[in-house]
Amino acid sequence: MALEFPQIDPIIFEVGPVAVRWYGLMYLIGFAFALWLANRQAAKPGSGWSKEQVSDLLFYGMLGVILGGRVGYVLFYQFSYFLENPLYLLRIDQGGMSFHGGTLGVIAAIVWFAKAKGKSILAVGDFVVPLVPLGLLAGRIGNFINGELWGRTSDVSWAMVFPTGGPEPRHPSQLYEAFFEGLVLFLILQWFIRKPRPAGSVAGLFLLGYGVFRFAIEYFREPDAHLGLFADFISMGQILSLPMIIVGAGLMYWAYQHNNSTEKHGSQQPS
């Protein structure tokens, strides 16, 4: 027995040639939450952030997510097809976004913004990353509504038969990702930032947490059909998550070591 997949039309409504889709709405919800949280954080005394800076940062971050996500998907998951059809990079109407590519895009936006505004790159990164998980939660729910990126076949009692996944019941891995990469990671970061932390440690915790959750959930997510598993045991998502785990752990270690070093010299600055 398998749970019945809820048949939700991915298109909310249409006006002439314009269609409003649940997936796009989820992105908007994610950015709306990010804007609300960022303004709330900026409003705290001594935050060093203005509403104008928040708006600018989120605008460039949004560009980083969209451009980086698309370029990353094409290069990481469809590179051979891209070589044959270079214009595929521009076919956003055919879908395809990579979180790892979006992360690189956001990092580029953070570096550019920090240099343009005279802010510390690590401080900007620490400000941005707590805003990300709720966007991930919304995006994965959008994937679920679209019936895409489903999990591997399973006989667990909550397995589902997805419309495009064949007749076998599968893990609803989109919901696993929404819960762990979205809600749980959000709560961890919100707990972590309740106290002053060394610059870079918040960004490091995000990279580490997301990398660990994504690596683990990939064991339940169906690998891309044209890629499969490398060496029959590791997926592309796991390969791309390993650097996040290593960099995240290294950044946290460096942040606390640097914090201890500056404390000894009496010049510690909380992030």
C-alpha atoms as a PDB file:
ATOM      1  CA  MET A   1       0.000   0.000   0.000  1.00  0.00           C
ATOM      2  CA  ALA A   2       1.250   3.499  -0.843  1.00  0.00           C
ATOM      3  CA  LEU A   3      -0.007   6.960  -0.064  1.00  0.00           C
ATOM      4  CA  GLU A   4      -1.858   8.664  -2.869  1.00  0.00           C
ATOM      5  CA  PHE A   5       0.007  11.615  -4.326  1.00  0.00           C
ATOM      6  CA  PRO A   6      -2.127  14.760  -3.969  1.00  0.00           C
ATOM      7  CA  GLN A   7      -3.068  15.839  -7.473  1.00  0.00           C
ATOM      8  CA  ILE A   8      -2.385  19.572  -7.345  1.00  0.00           C
ATOM      9  CA  ASP A   9      -2.364  21.526 -10.581  1.00  0.00           C
ATOM     10  CA  PRO A  10       1.112  23.148 -10.781  1.00  0.00           C
ATOM     11  CA  ILE A  11      -0.573  26.169 -12.409  1.00  0.00           C
ATOM     12  CA  ILE A  12      -2.553  28.265  -9.914  1.00  0.00           C
ATOM     13  CA  PHE A  13      -4.291  30.336 -12.573  1.00  0.00           C
ATOM     14  CA  GLU A  14      -3.777  31.642 -16.090  1.00  0.00           C
ATOM     15  CA  VAL A  15      -4.442  35.044 -17.606  1.00  0.00           C
ATOM     16  CA  GLY A  16      -4.010  34.814 -21.363  1.00  0.00           C
ATOM     17  CA  PRO A  17      -0.494  33.546 -22.092  1.00  0.00           C
ATOM     18  CA  VAL A  18       0.654  34.230 -18.511  1.00  0.00           C
ATOM     19  CA  ALA A  19       0.535  31.319 -16.059  1.00  0.00           C
ATOM     20  CA  VAL A  20       1.127  31.688 -12.332  1.00  0.00           C
ATOM     21  CA  ARG A  21       2.712  28.498 -11.001  1.00  0.00           C
ATOM     22  CA  TRP A  22       3.047  27.157  -7.482  1.00  0.00           C
ATOM     23  CA  TYR A  23       6.805  26.724  -7.946  1.00  0.00           C
ATOM     24  CA  GLY A  24       7.287  30.400  -8.779  1.00  0.00           C
ATOM     25  CA  LEU A  25       5.001  31.406  -5.912  1.00  0.00           C
ATOM     26  CA  MET A  26       7.149  29.373  -3.529  1.00  0.00           C
ATOM     27  CA  TYR A  27      10.231  31.306  -4.620  1.00  0.00           C
ATOM     28  CA  LEU A  28       8.371  34.557  -3.946  1.00  0.00           C
ATOM     29  CA  ILE A  29       7.307  33.313  -0.513  1.00  0.00           C
ATOM     30  CA  GLY A  30      10.911  32.388   0.259  1.00  0.00           C
ATOM     31  CA  PHE A  31      12.179  35.843  -0.712  1.00  0.00           C
ATOM     32  CA  ALA A  32       9.355  37.502   1.245  1.00  0.00           C
ATOM     33  CA  PHE A  33      10.360  35.618   4.403  1.00  0.00           C
ATOM     34  CA  ALA A  34      14.011  36.517   3.780  1.00  0.00           C
ATOM     35  CA  LEU A  35      13.117  40.208   3.469  1.00  0.00           C
ATOM     36  CA  TRP A  36      11.037  40.106   6.644  1.00  0.00           C
ATOM     37  CA  LEU A  37      13.747  38.351   8.667  1.00  0.00           C
ATOM     38  CA  ALA A  38      16.491  40.592   7.311  1.00  0.00           C
ATOM     39  CA  ASN A  39      14.621  43.794   8.175  1.00  0.00           C
ATOM     40  CA  ARG A  40      13.837  42.405  11.609  1.00  0.00           C
ATOM     41  CA  GLN A  41      17.534  41.660  12.178  1.00  0.00           C
ATOM     42  CA  ALA A  42      18.594  45.055  10.805  1.00  0.00           C
ATOM     43  CA  ALA A  43      16.180  46.850  13.140  1.00  0.00           C
ATOM     44  CA  LYS A  44      18.008  45.593  16.231  1.00  0.00           C
ATOM     45  CA  PRO A  45      20.124  48.223  18.020  1.00  0.00           C
ATOM     46  CA  GLY A  46      23.708  48.299  16.785  1.00  0.00           C
ATOM     47  CA  SER A  47      23.085  45.937  13.881  1.00  0.00           C
ATOM     48  CA  GLY A  48      25.017  48.153  11.465  1.00  0.00           C
ATOM     49  CA  TRP A  49      22.420  47.542   8.739  1.00  0.00           C
ATOM     50  CA  SER A  50      19.892  49.876   7.144  1.00  0.00           C
ATOM     51  CA  LYS A  51      16.731  48.951   5.252  1.00  0.00           C
ATOM     52  CA  GLU A  52      18.298  50.262   2.049  1.00  0.00           C
ATOM     53  CA  GLN A  53      21.306  47.981   2.483  1.00  0.00           C
ATOM     54  CA  VAL A  54      19.000  45.041   3.172  1.00  0.00           C
ATOM     55  CA  SER A  55      17.031  45.734  -0.006  1.00  0.00           C
ATOM     56  CA  ASP A  56      20.203  46.006  -2.091  1.00  0.00           C
ATOM     57  CA  LEU A  57      21.677  42.853  -0.590  1.00  0.00           C
ATOM     58  CA  LEU A  58      18.559  40.764  -1.183  1.00  0.00           C
ATOM     59  CA  PHE A  59      18.230  42.057  -4.742  1.00  0.00           C
ATOM     60  CA  TYR A  60      21.765  40.949  -5.616  1.00  0.00           C
ATOM     61  CA  GLY A  61      21.275  37.755  -3.640  1.00  0.00           C
ATOM     62  CA  MET A  62      18.151  36.991  -5.676  1.00  0.00           C
ATOM     63  CA  LEU A  63      20.102  37.485  -8.891  1.00  0.00           C
ATOM     64  CA  GLY A  64      22.796  35.200  -7.521  1.00  0.00           C
ATOM     65  CA  VAL A  65      20.260  32.483  -6.713  1.00  0.00           C
ATOM     66  CA  ILE A  66      18.585  32.610 -10.127  1.00  0.00           C
ATOM     67  CA  LEU A  67      21.683  33.000 -12.319  1.00  0.00           C
ATOM     68  CA  GLY A  68      23.912  30.754 -10.223  1.00  0.00           C
ATOM     69  CA  GLY A  69      21.182  28.144  -9.833  1.00  0.00           C
ATOM     70  CA  ARG A  70      20.578  27.957 -13.575  1.00  0.00           C
ATOM     71  CA  VAL A  71      24.243  27.982 -14.604  1.00  0.00           C
ATOM     72  CA  GLY A  72      25.068  25.445 -11.902  1.00  0.00           C
ATOM     73  CA  TYR A  73      22.310  23.088 -13.016  1.00  0.00           C
ATOM     74  CA  VAL A  74      23.437  23.225 -16.641  1.00  0.00           C
ATOM     75  CA  LEU A  75      27.135  22.755 -15.822  1.00  0.00           C
ATOM     76  CA  PHE A  76      26.741  20.188 -13.032  1.00  0.00           C
ATOM     77  CA  TYR A  77      23.859  18.114 -14.371  1.00  0.00           C
ATOM     78  CA  GLN A  78      23.458  18.811 -18.109  1.00  0.00           C
ATOM     79  CA  PHE A  79      26.963  19.679 -19.280  1.00  0.00           C
ATOM     80  CA  SER A  80      27.095  17.257 -22.211  1.00  0.00           C
ATOM     81  CA  TYR A  81      23.706  18.464 -23.441  1.00  0.00           C
ATOM     82  CA  PHE A  82      24.867  22.065 -23.040  1.00  0.00           C
ATOM     83  CA  LEU A  83      27.894  21.385 -25.253  1.00  0.00           C
ATOM     84  CA  GLU A  84      25.563  20.184 -27.983  1.00  0.00           C
ATOM     85  CA  ASN A  85      22.976  22.952 -27.412  1.00  0.00           C
ATOM     86  CA  PRO A  86      24.588  26.052 -25.819  1.00  0.00           C
ATOM     87  CA  LEU A  87      21.301  27.967 -25.963  1.00  0.00           C
ATOM     88  CA  TYR A  88      19.897  25.455 -23.458  1.00  0.00           C
ATOM     89  CA  LEU A  89      21.483  27.656 -20.792  1.00  0.00           C
ATOM     90  CA  LEU A  90      18.853  30.288 -21.574  1.00  0.00           C
ATOM     91  CA  ARG A  91      15.880  27.900 -21.690  1.00  0.00           C
ATOM     92  CA  ILE A  92      14.687  28.615 -18.178  1.00  0.00           C
ATOM     93  CA  ASP A  93      11.173  27.738 -19.338  1.00  0.00           C
ATOM     94  CA  GLN A  94      12.314  24.099 -19.355  1.00  0.00           C
ATOM     95  CA  GLY A  95      13.181  24.261 -15.669  1.00  0.00           C
ATOM     96  CA  GLY A  96      16.349  23.164 -13.930  1.00  0.00           C
ATOM     97  CA  MET A  97      17.943  24.871 -10.901  1.00  0.00           C
ATOM     98  CA  SER A  98      20.832  23.710  -8.742  1.00  0.00           C
ATOM     99  CA  PHE A  99      21.080  24.700  -5.098  1.00  0.00           C
ATOM    100  CA  HIS A 100      24.853  24.285  -5.160  1.00  0.00           C
ATOM    101  CA  GLY A 101      25.050  26.594  -8.172  1.00  0.00           C
ATOM    102  CA  GLY A 102      22.731  29.047  -6.435  1.00  0.00           C
ATOM    103  CA  THR A 103      25.034  28.960  -3.410  1.00  0.00           C
ATOM    104  CA  LEU A 104      28.009  29.946  -5.565  1.00  0.00           C
ATOM    105  CA  GLY A 105      25.899  32.722  -7.064  1.00  0.00           C
ATOM    106  CA  VAL A 106      24.971  34.041  -3.612  1.00  0.00           C
ATOM    107  CA  ILE A 107      28.610  33.874  -2.480  1.00  0.00           C
ATOM    108  CA  ALA A 108      29.569  35.983  -5.511  1.00  0.00           C
ATOM    109  CA  ALA A 109      26.790  38.456  -4.629  1.00  0.00           C
ATOM    110  CA  ILE A 110      27.976  38.613  -1.005  1.00  0.00           C
ATOM    111  CA  VAL A 111      31.576  39.317  -2.038  1.00  0.00           C
ATOM    112  CA  TRP A 112      30.511  42.020  -4.497  1.00  0.00           C
ATOM    113  CA  PHE A 113      28.128  43.660  -1.999  1.00  0.00           C
ATOM    114  CA  ALA A 114      30.656  43.577   0.845  1.00  0.00           C
ATOM    115  CA  LYS A 115      33.356  45.230  -1.258  1.00  0.00           C
ATOM    116  CA  ALA A 116      30.941  47.826  -2.664  1.00  0.00           C
ATOM    117  CA  LYS A 117      29.609  48.766   0.786  1.00  0.00           C
ATOM    118  CA  GLY A 118      32.870  48.466   2.719  1.00  0.00           C
ATOM    119  CA  LYS A 119      31.618  45.616   4.888  1.00  0.00           C
ATOM    120  CA  SER A 120      33.337  42.437   6.016  1.00  0.00           C
ATOM    121  CA  ILE A 121      32.618  39.520   3.676  1.00  0.00           C
ATOM    122  CA  LEU A 122      32.258  37.177   6.657  1.00  0.00           C
ATOM    123  CA  ALA A 123      29.892  39.567   8.441  1.00  0.00           C
ATOM    124  CA  VAL A 124      27.694  39.832   5.349  1.00  0.00           C
ATOM    125  CA  GLY A 125      27.710  36.050   4.974  1.00  0.00           C
ATOM    126  CA  ASP A 126      26.698  35.610   8.608  1.00  0.00           C
ATOM    127  CA  PHE A 127      23.828  38.053   8.064  1.00  0.00           C
ATOM    128  CA  VAL A 128      22.591  36.273   4.919  1.00  0.00           C
ATOM    129  CA  VAL A 129      22.665  32.566   5.722  1.00  0.00           C
ATOM    130  CA  PRO A 130      19.949  32.516   8.441  1.00  0.00           C
ATOM    131  CA  LEU A 131      17.590  33.877   5.763  1.00  0.00           C
ATOM    132  CA  VAL A 132      18.120  30.944   3.400  1.00  0.00           C
ATOM    133  CA  PRO A 133      16.501  27.845   5.010  1.00  0.00           C
ATOM    134  CA  LEU A 134      12.891  29.044   4.841  1.00  0.00           C
ATOM    135  CA  GLY A 135      13.406  29.701   1.137  1.00  0.00           C
ATOM    136  CA  LEU A 136      14.681  26.136   0.810  1.00  0.00           C
ATOM    137  CA  LEU A 137      11.609  24.861   2.631  1.00  0.00           C
ATOM    138  CA  ALA A 138       9.299  26.735   0.258  1.00  0.00           C
ATOM    139  CA  GLY A 139      11.243  25.614  -2.820  1.00  0.00           C
ATOM    140  CA  ARG A 140      11.147  21.937  -1.857  1.00  0.00           C
ATOM    141  CA  ILE A 141       7.414  22.138  -1.273  1.00  0.00           C
ATOM    142  CA  GLY A 142       7.212  23.567  -4.792  1.00  0.00           C
ATOM    143  CA  ASN A 143       9.159  20.549  -6.062  1.00  0.00           C
ATOM    144  CA  PHE A 144       6.706  18.270  -4.277  1.00  0.00           C
ATOM    145  CA  ILE A 145       3.667  20.010  -5.762  1.00  0.00           C
ATOM    146  CA  ASN A 146       5.253  19.675  -9.213  1.00  0.00           C
ATOM    147  CA  GLY A 147       5.778  15.958  -8.583  1.00  0.00           C
ATOM    148  CA  GLU A 148       9.489  16.272  -9.447  1.00  0.00           C
ATOM    149  CA  LEU A 149      12.777  15.284  -7.820  1.00  0.00           C
ATOM    150  CA  TRP A 150      11.106  12.329  -6.119  1.00  0.00           C
ATOM    151  CA  GLY A 151      12.893   9.725  -4.078  1.00  0.00           C
ATOM    152  CA  ARG A 152      14.072   6.168  -4.592  1.00  0.00           C
ATOM    153  CA  THR A 153      11.667   3.245  -4.575  1.00  0.00           C
ATOM    154  CA  SER A 154      10.643   2.124  -1.106  1.00  0.00           C
ATOM    155  CA  ASP A 155       8.151   0.002   0.811  1.00  0.00           C
ATOM    156  CA  VAL A 156       7.829   2.364   3.802  1.00  0.00           C
ATOM    157  CA  SER A 157       4.243   3.090   4.788  1.00  0.00           C
ATOM    158  CA  TRP A 158       4.479   6.753   3.716  1.00  0.00           C
ATOM    159  CA  ALA A 159       5.898   6.040   0.239  1.00  0.00           C
ATOM    160  CA  MET A 160       4.053   7.637  -2.683  1.00  0.00           C
ATOM    161  CA  VAL A 161       3.456   6.846  -6.335  1.00  0.00           C
ATOM    162  CA  PHE A 162       4.434   9.991  -8.227  1.00  0.00           C
ATOM    163  CA  PRO A 163       2.776  10.719 -11.592  1.00  0.00           C
ATOM    164  CA  THR A 164       6.118  10.868 -13.415  1.00  0.00           C
ATOM    165  CA  GLY A 165       7.931   8.318 -11.270  1.00  0.00           C
ATOM    166  CA  GLY A 166       6.493   5.095 -12.612  1.00  0.00           C
ATOM    167  CA  PRO A 167       4.240   2.640 -10.776  1.00  0.00           C
ATOM    168  CA  GLU A 168       6.581   1.999  -7.834  1.00  0.00           C
ATOM    169  CA  PRO A 169       6.067   3.749  -4.484  1.00  0.00           C
ATOM    170  CA  ARG A 170       8.879   6.189  -3.698  1.00  0.00           C
ATOM    171  CA  HIS A 171      10.249   8.228  -0.829  1.00  0.00           C
ATOM    172  CA  PRO A 172       8.781  11.757  -0.800  1.00  0.00           C
ATOM    173  CA  SER A 173      12.353  13.032  -0.541  1.00  0.00           C
ATOM    174  CA  GLN A 174      11.299  16.593  -1.376  1.00  0.00           C
ATOM    175  CA  LEU A 175       9.490  16.680   1.987  1.00  0.00           C
ATOM    176  CA  TYR A 176      12.537  15.241   3.764  1.00  0.00           C
ATOM    177  CA  GLU A 177      14.600  18.078   2.322  1.00  0.00           C
ATOM    178  CA  ALA A 178      11.950  20.665   3.182  1.00  0.00           C
ATOM    179  CA  PHE A 179      11.962  19.479   6.790  1.00  0.00           C
ATOM    180  CA  PHE A 180      15.702  19.054   7.426  1.00  0.00           C
ATOM    181  CA  GLU A 181      17.329  21.540   5.018  1.00  0.00           C
ATOM    182  CA  GLY A 182      14.520  24.022   5.621  1.00  0.00           C
ATOM    183  CA  LEU A 183      12.811  23.913   9.006  1.00  0.00           C
ATOM    184  CA  VAL A 184      15.426  22.107  11.117  1.00  0.00           C
ATOM    185  CA  LEU A 185      18.361  24.079   9.711  1.00  0.00           C
ATOM    186  CA  PHE A 186      16.419  27.314  10.205  1.00  0.00           C
ATOM    187  CA  LEU A 187      15.800  26.500  13.878  1.00  0.00           C
ATOM    188  CA  ILE A 188      19.443  25.532  14.416  1.00  0.00           C
ATOM    189  CA  LEU A 189      20.681  28.799  12.946  1.00  0.00           C
ATOM    190  CA  GLN A 190      18.132  30.888  14.861  1.00  0.00           C
ATOM    191  CA  TRP A 191      19.287  29.234  18.086  1.00  0.00           C
ATOM    192  CA  PHE A 192      22.936  29.771  17.163  1.00  0.00           C
ATOM    193  CA  ILE A 193      22.638  33.503  16.421  1.00  0.00           C
ATOM    194  CA  ARG A 194      20.872  34.284  19.707  1.00  0.00           C
ATOM    195  CA  LYS A 195      24.335  35.033  21.116  1.00  0.00           C
ATOM    196  CA  PRO A 196      27.267  36.918  19.521  1.00  0.00           C
ATOM    197  CA  ARG A 197      29.399  34.515  17.506  1.00  0.00           C
ATOM    198  CA  PRO A 198      32.815  34.840  15.855  1.00  0.00           C
ATOM    199  CA  ALA A 199      32.671  36.256  12.325  1.00  0.00           C
ATOM    200  CA  GLY A 200      32.295  33.428   9.815  1.00  0.00           C
ATOM    201  CA  SER A 201      30.968  30.858  12.277  1.00  0.00           C
ATOM    202  CA  VAL A 202      27.315  31.337  11.291  1.00  0.00           C
ATOM    203  CA  ALA A 203      28.092  30.943   7.584  1.00  0.00           C
ATOM    204  CA  GLY A 204      30.248  27.933   8.433  1.00  0.00           C
ATOM    205  CA  LEU A 205      27.441  26.302  10.407  1.00  0.00           C
ATOM    206  CA  PHE A 206      25.034  26.809   7.504  1.00  0.00           C
ATOM    207  CA  LEU A 207      27.420  25.228   4.976  1.00  0.00           C
ATOM    208  CA  LEU A 208      28.138  22.340   7.332  1.00  0.00           C
ATOM    209  CA  GLY A 209      24.494  21.773   8.267  1.00  0.00           C
ATOM    210  CA  TYR A 210      23.150  21.930   4.743  1.00  0.00           C
ATOM    211  CA  GLY A 211      25.954  19.744   3.417  1.00  0.00           C
ATOM    212  CA  VAL A 212      25.346  17.040   6.039  1.00  0.00           C
ATOM    213  CA  PHE A 213      21.563  17.048   5.605  1.00  0.00           C
ATOM    214  CA  ARG A 214      21.751  17.032   1.805  1.00  0.00           C
ATOM    215  CA  PHE A 215      24.408  14.296   1.752  1.00  0.00           C
ATOM    216  CA  ALA A 216      22.260  12.067   3.997  1.00  0.00           C
ATOM    217  CA  ILE A 217      18.977  12.704   2.162  1.00  0.00           C
ATOM    218  CA  GLU A 218      20.594  11.906  -1.191  1.00  0.00           C
ATOM    219  CA  TYR A 219      20.463   8.243  -0.103  1.00  0.00           C
ATOM    220  CA  PHE A 220      16.676   8.519  -0.354  1.00  0.00           C
ATOM    221  CA  ARG A 221      16.514  10.729  -3.460  1.00  0.00           C
ATOM    222  CA  GLU A 222      16.494   9.208  -6.944  1.00  0.00           C
ATOM    223  CA  PRO A 223      19.717  10.101  -8.785  1.00  0.00           C
ATOM    224  CA  ASP A 224      19.386  11.900 -12.105  1.00  0.00           C
ATOM    225  CA  ALA A 225      18.686   9.239 -14.728  1.00  0.00           C
ATOM    226  CA  HIS A 226      21.406  10.412 -17.131  1.00  0.00           C
ATOM    227  CA  LEU A 227      24.027  10.570 -14.356  1.00  0.00           C
ATOM    228  CA  GLY A 228      23.148   7.716 -12.021  1.00  0.00           C
ATOM    229  CA  LEU A 229      25.556   6.958  -9.183  1.00  0.00           C
ATOM    230  CA  PHE A 230      29.282   7.515  -9.601  1.00  0.00           C
ATOM    231  CA  ALA A 231      31.212   4.353  -8.782  1.00  0.00           C
ATOM    232  CA  ASP A 232      27.790   2.877  -7.942  1.00  0.00           C
ATOM    233  CA  PHE A 233      27.615   4.518  -4.520  1.00  0.00           C
ATOM    234  CA  ILE A 234      27.733   8.331  -4.620  1.00  0.00           C
ATOM    235  CA  SER A 235      25.449  10.826  -6.367  1.00  0.00           C
ATOM    236  CA  MET A 236      26.267  14.189  -7.925  1.00  0.00           C
ATOM    237  CA  GLY A 237      24.391  15.888  -5.086  1.00  0.00           C
ATOM    238  CA  GLN A 238      26.645  14.166  -2.564  1.00  0.00           C
ATOM    239  CA  ILE A 239      29.793  15.043  -4.517  1.00  0.00           C
ATOM    240  CA  LEU A 240      28.749  18.701  -4.531  1.00  0.00           C
ATOM    241  CA  SER A 241      27.843  18.587  -0.833  1.00  0.00           C
ATOM    242  CA  LEU A 242      31.216  17.274   0.329  1.00  0.00           C
ATOM    243  CA  PRO A 243      33.043  20.592  -0.305  1.00  0.00           C
ATOM    244  CA  MET A 244      30.286  22.386   1.631  1.00  0.00           C
ATOM    245  CA  ILE A 245      30.840  20.092   4.626  1.00  0.00           C
ATOM    246  CA  ILE A 246      34.618  20.525   4.504  1.00  0.00           C
ATOM    247  CA  VAL A 247      34.535  24.311   3.974  1.00  0.00           C
ATOM    248  CA  GLY A 248      31.805  24.768   6.590  1.00  0.00           C
ATOM    249  CA  ALA A 249      33.662  22.794   9.257  1.00  0.00           C
ATOM    250  CA  GLY A 250      36.930  24.520   8.358  1.00  0.00           C
ATOM    251  CA  LEU A 251      35.339  27.965   8.505  1.00  0.00           C
ATOM    252  CA  MET A 252      33.835  27.301  11.937  1.00  0.00           C
ATOM    253  CA  TYR A 253      37.171  25.986  13.227  1.00  0.00           C
ATOM    254  CA  TRP A 254      39.002  29.018  11.842  1.00  0.00           C
ATOM    255  CA  ALA A 255      36.410  31.429  13.252  1.00  0.00           C
ATOM    256  CA  TYR A 256      36.740  30.107  16.786  1.00  0.00           C
ATOM    257  CA  GLN A 257      40.531  29.754  16.597  1.00  0.00           C
ATOM    258  CA  HIS A 258      40.789  33.330  15.298  1.00  0.00           C
ATOM    259  CA  ASN A 259      38.376  34.447  18.029  1.00  0.00           C
ATOM    260  CA  ASN A 260      40.530  32.851  20.729  1.00  0.00           C
ATOM    261  CA  SER A 261      43.650  34.417  19.251  1.00  0.00           C
ATOM    262  CA  THR A 262      42.182  37.939  19.168  1.00  0.00           C
ATOM    263  CA  GLU A 263      40.780  37.547  22.696  1.00  0.00           C
ATOM    264  CA  LYS A 264      44.316  36.878  23.957  1.00  0.00           C
ATOM    265  CA  HIS A 265      45.381  40.181  22.389  1.00  0.00           C
ATOM    266  CA  GLY A 266      42.345  42.049  23.754  1.00  0.00           C
ATOM    267  CA  SER A 267      40.854  42.915  20.354  1.00  0.00           C
ATOM    268  CA  GLN A 268      38.026  40.431  19.939  1.00  0.00           C
ATOM    269  CA  GLN A 269      35.132  41.760  17.838  1.00  0.00           C
ATOM    270  CA  PRO A 270      31.834  39.816  17.991  1.00  0.00           C
ATOM    271  CA  SER A 271      30.063  39.376  14.684  1.00  0.00           C
END
